[in-house]
């Protein structure tokens, strides 16, 4: 739809004008971005690991293992904090 400057008689400006309405793209024709985002995320993770390996002077596989262990420990800390906020104190010895 396009804005119209003419009234129903075809005479000049009118108070009623059609407002342009964006036409939604059907989902079957919408561009898929999931794969592109995944590629970028993987490349980003690899760049971080390579940078850390170069900065610390450690081999790349060891750097990846270290990053995975750090991420795992961070997740454990996060979930333990969430559990304690909910009032549950987990037994770490059993």
Foldseek 3Di string as FASTA:
>chain_A
DDWDQADPVRDGGDPDIDDDDDDDDPPVPDDDCPVVVVVVVVVVVLVVLVVVCVVVVHDSVVSVVVVVVVVVVVVVVVVCVVCVVVPDHDDPPD
